[in-house]
N, C-alpha and C. Protein backbone atom coordinates (compact mmCIF):
# COMPACT_ATOMS: atom_id res chain seq x y z
N MET A 1 26.17 -63.12 58.36
CA MET A 1 26.26 -62.61 57.00
C MET A 1 27.31 -61.95 56.65
N LEU A 2 27.85 -61.69 55.56
CA LEU A 2 29.60 -60.87 55.35
C LEU A 2 28.67 -60.00 54.52
N HIS A 3 29.34 -58.76 54.31
CA HIS A 3 28.76 -57.69 53.86
C HIS A 3 30.48 -56.67 53.64
N PHE A 4 29.99 -55.54 52.60
CA PHE A 4 31.24 -54.85 52.73
C PHE A 4 30.18 -53.41 52.18
N TRP A 5 30.59 -52.48 52.37
CA TRP A 5 30.08 -50.97 52.68
C TRP A 5 30.84 -49.89 51.58
N ARG A 6 30.30 -49.20 50.62
CA ARG A 6 30.97 -48.16 49.87
C ARG A 6 30.08 -47.15 49.57
N THR A 7 30.18 -45.84 49.44
CA THR A 7 29.55 -44.25 49.58
C THR A 7 29.67 -44.10 47.94
N TRP A 8 28.99 -43.47 47.40
CA TRP A 8 29.38 -43.15 46.33
C TRP A 8 30.19 -42.33 45.82
N ASP A 9 31.02 -41.30 46.95
CA ASP A 9 32.11 -40.44 46.52
C ASP A 9 32.74 -41.70 47.44
N GLN A 10 32.96 -42.81 47.40
CA GLN A 10 34.09 -44.09 47.61
C GLN A 10 34.73 -44.16 48.70
N LYS A 11 33.86 -43.73 49.99
CA LYS A 11 34.47 -44.23 51.11
C LYS A 11 33.90 -45.35 51.11
N GLU A 12 34.65 -46.34 52.26
CA GLU A 12 34.44 -47.89 52.45
C GLU A 12 35.04 -48.57 53.34
N ILE A 13 34.29 -49.72 53.72
CA ILE A 13 34.71 -50.50 54.78
C ILE A 13 34.86 -51.83 54.19
N ASP A 14 35.71 -52.72 54.42
CA ASP A 14 36.08 -53.76 53.62
C ASP A 14 35.35 -55.55 53.83
N TYR A 15 35.16 -55.10 55.25
CA TYR A 15 34.40 -55.90 55.84
C TYR A 15 33.73 -56.10 56.85
N ILE A 16 32.56 -56.51 56.59
CA ILE A 16 31.29 -56.32 57.71
C ILE A 16 30.56 -57.83 57.95
N GLU A 17 30.71 -58.04 59.07
CA GLU A 17 29.83 -59.15 59.95
C GLU A 17 28.54 -58.79 60.23
N GLU A 18 27.51 -59.22 60.10
CA GLU A 18 25.97 -59.23 60.48
C GLU A 18 25.92 -60.22 61.71
N ARG A 19 26.11 -60.48 63.16
CA ARG A 19 26.02 -61.53 63.84
C ARG A 19 25.26 -61.14 65.26
N ASN A 20 24.39 -61.59 66.21
CA ASN A 20 24.16 -61.39 67.02
C ASN A 20 22.90 -60.23 66.73
N GLY A 21 22.42 -59.63 66.02
CA GLY A 21 21.73 -58.37 65.62
C GLY A 21 22.61 -57.18 65.76
N GLY A 22 23.87 -57.45 65.50
CA GLY A 22 24.50 -56.59 65.42
C GLY A 22 25.50 -56.35 64.32
N LEU A 23 26.31 -54.75 64.06
CA LEU A 23 27.31 -54.96 62.93
C LEU A 23 28.42 -53.99 63.16
N PHE A 24 29.31 -55.36 62.84
CA PHE A 24 30.72 -55.59 63.17
C PHE A 24 31.44 -55.03 62.31
N ALA A 25 32.24 -53.93 62.12
CA ALA A 25 33.08 -53.38 60.89
C ALA A 25 34.32 -53.40 60.88
N TYR A 26 34.99 -53.82 59.82
CA TYR A 26 36.82 -54.11 59.89
C TYR A 26 37.19 -53.39 58.36
N GLU A 27 38.27 -52.66 58.84
CA GLU A 27 38.94 -51.87 57.84
C GLU A 27 40.12 -52.66 57.60
N PHE A 28 40.83 -52.94 56.82
CA PHE A 28 42.16 -53.05 56.64
C PHE A 28 43.12 -52.42 55.47
N LYS A 29 44.45 -52.65 56.82
CA LYS A 29 45.43 -51.75 56.16
C LYS A 29 46.29 -52.40 56.37
N TRP A 30 47.18 -51.67 55.09
CA TRP A 30 49.03 -52.37 55.23
C TRP A 30 49.93 -51.94 56.21
N GLY A 31 50.67 -52.58 56.84
CA GLY A 31 51.51 -52.00 57.73
C GLY A 31 50.95 -51.14 58.96
N ASN A 32 51.59 -50.17 59.28
CA ASN A 32 51.20 -49.75 60.46
C ASN A 32 49.88 -48.39 60.08
N GLN A 33 49.47 -48.08 59.16
CA GLN A 33 48.49 -47.20 59.09
C GLN A 33 47.22 -47.97 59.70
N LYS A 34 46.81 -46.43 60.06
CA LYS A 34 45.41 -46.79 61.10
C LYS A 34 44.38 -46.26 60.39
N ALA A 35 43.55 -46.92 60.99
CA ALA A 35 42.21 -46.73 60.06
C ALA A 35 41.24 -45.91 60.56
N LYS A 36 40.43 -45.49 60.03
CA LYS A 36 39.41 -44.00 60.49
C LYS A 36 38.25 -44.51 60.01
N GLU A 37 37.05 -44.91 60.99
CA GLU A 37 35.67 -44.86 60.69
C GLU A 37 35.25 -43.82 59.85
N PRO A 38 34.65 -44.06 58.69
CA PRO A 38 33.90 -43.24 58.22
C PRO A 38 32.57 -42.41 58.64
N LYS A 39 32.91 -41.24 58.62
CA LYS A 39 31.41 -40.45 59.25
C LYS A 39 30.80 -40.64 58.87
N ASP A 40 30.21 -41.04 57.51
CA ASP A 40 29.18 -41.35 56.73
C ASP A 40 28.40 -42.90 57.30
N TRP A 41 29.30 -43.81 58.00
CA TRP A 41 29.47 -45.14 58.56
C TRP A 41 28.41 -44.75 59.83
N GLN A 42 29.30 -44.08 60.67
CA GLN A 42 28.82 -43.87 62.28
C GLN A 42 27.41 -43.13 62.17
N GLU A 43 27.18 -42.58 61.33
CA GLU A 43 25.95 -41.92 61.10
C GLU A 43 24.58 -42.70 60.75
N ALA A 44 25.16 -43.53 59.86
CA ALA A 44 24.33 -44.55 59.35
C ALA A 44 23.45 -45.51 60.35
N TYR A 45 24.99 -45.95 60.67
CA TYR A 45 25.35 -47.22 61.89
C TYR A 45 25.25 -46.68 63.11
N PRO A 46 24.93 -46.10 64.08
CA PRO A 46 25.38 -45.69 64.83
C PRO A 46 25.88 -46.36 66.18
N HIS A 47 24.83 -47.91 66.13
CA HIS A 47 25.20 -48.73 67.26
C HIS A 47 26.16 -49.74 66.41
N SER A 48 26.59 -49.69 65.64
CA SER A 48 27.14 -50.70 64.89
C SER A 48 29.41 -50.35 66.01
N THR A 49 29.93 -51.39 65.97
CA THR A 49 31.47 -51.38 66.35
C THR A 49 32.44 -51.42 64.71
N PHE A 50 33.19 -50.64 65.05
CA PHE A 50 34.25 -50.75 64.09
C PHE A 50 35.55 -50.69 64.61
N GLU A 51 36.62 -51.64 63.46
CA GLU A 51 37.92 -51.80 64.09
C GLU A 51 38.79 -51.77 62.84
N GLY A 52 39.97 -51.26 63.13
CA GLY A 52 41.13 -51.30 62.26
C GLY A 52 42.10 -52.47 62.24
N ILE A 53 42.42 -53.06 61.22
CA ILE A 53 43.15 -54.20 61.12
C ILE A 53 44.58 -53.64 60.40
N ASN A 54 45.92 -53.83 61.08
CA ASN A 54 46.83 -53.71 60.51
C ASN A 54 47.96 -54.94 60.70
N ILE A 55 48.99 -54.84 60.67
CA ILE A 55 50.31 -55.43 60.65
C ILE A 55 50.38 -55.60 61.93
N ASN A 56 49.83 -54.54 62.93
CA ASN A 56 49.91 -55.09 64.53
C ASN A 56 48.98 -55.73 65.66
N ASN A 57 47.91 -55.69 64.69
CA ASN A 57 46.71 -56.27 65.15
C ASN A 57 45.87 -57.49 64.56
N TYR A 58 47.03 -58.01 62.76
CA TYR A 58 45.91 -59.19 62.51
C TYR A 58 45.76 -60.63 62.94
N LEU A 59 47.01 -60.65 63.49
CA LEU A 59 46.81 -62.04 64.52
C LEU A 59 45.74 -62.43 65.56
N THR A 60 45.42 -61.03 66.52
CA THR A 60 44.29 -61.25 66.94
C THR A 60 43.39 -61.05 66.34
N PHE A 61 42.80 -61.16 65.28
CA PHE A 61 41.61 -60.79 64.19
C PHE A 61 41.64 -62.40 63.39
N ILE A 62 42.79 -62.87 63.42
CA ILE A 62 42.61 -64.25 62.64
C ILE A 62 41.98 -65.39 63.23
N THR A 63 42.56 -65.54 64.58
CA THR A 63 42.57 -66.40 65.77
C THR A 63 41.32 -66.44 66.44
């Protein structure tokens, strides 16, 4: 199942996969920017994984 996540104060995660009983969160950035995992997400879903996707690693994500 696919999701996105956003708080009332506009913190967000672009893409979330729910599979095999886990949550896998991905934040997409243009160029070389690094994504930071929102603290609110960490606190709400401490057993999830988070990965920032940018120009340097997007090929790994899509293949």
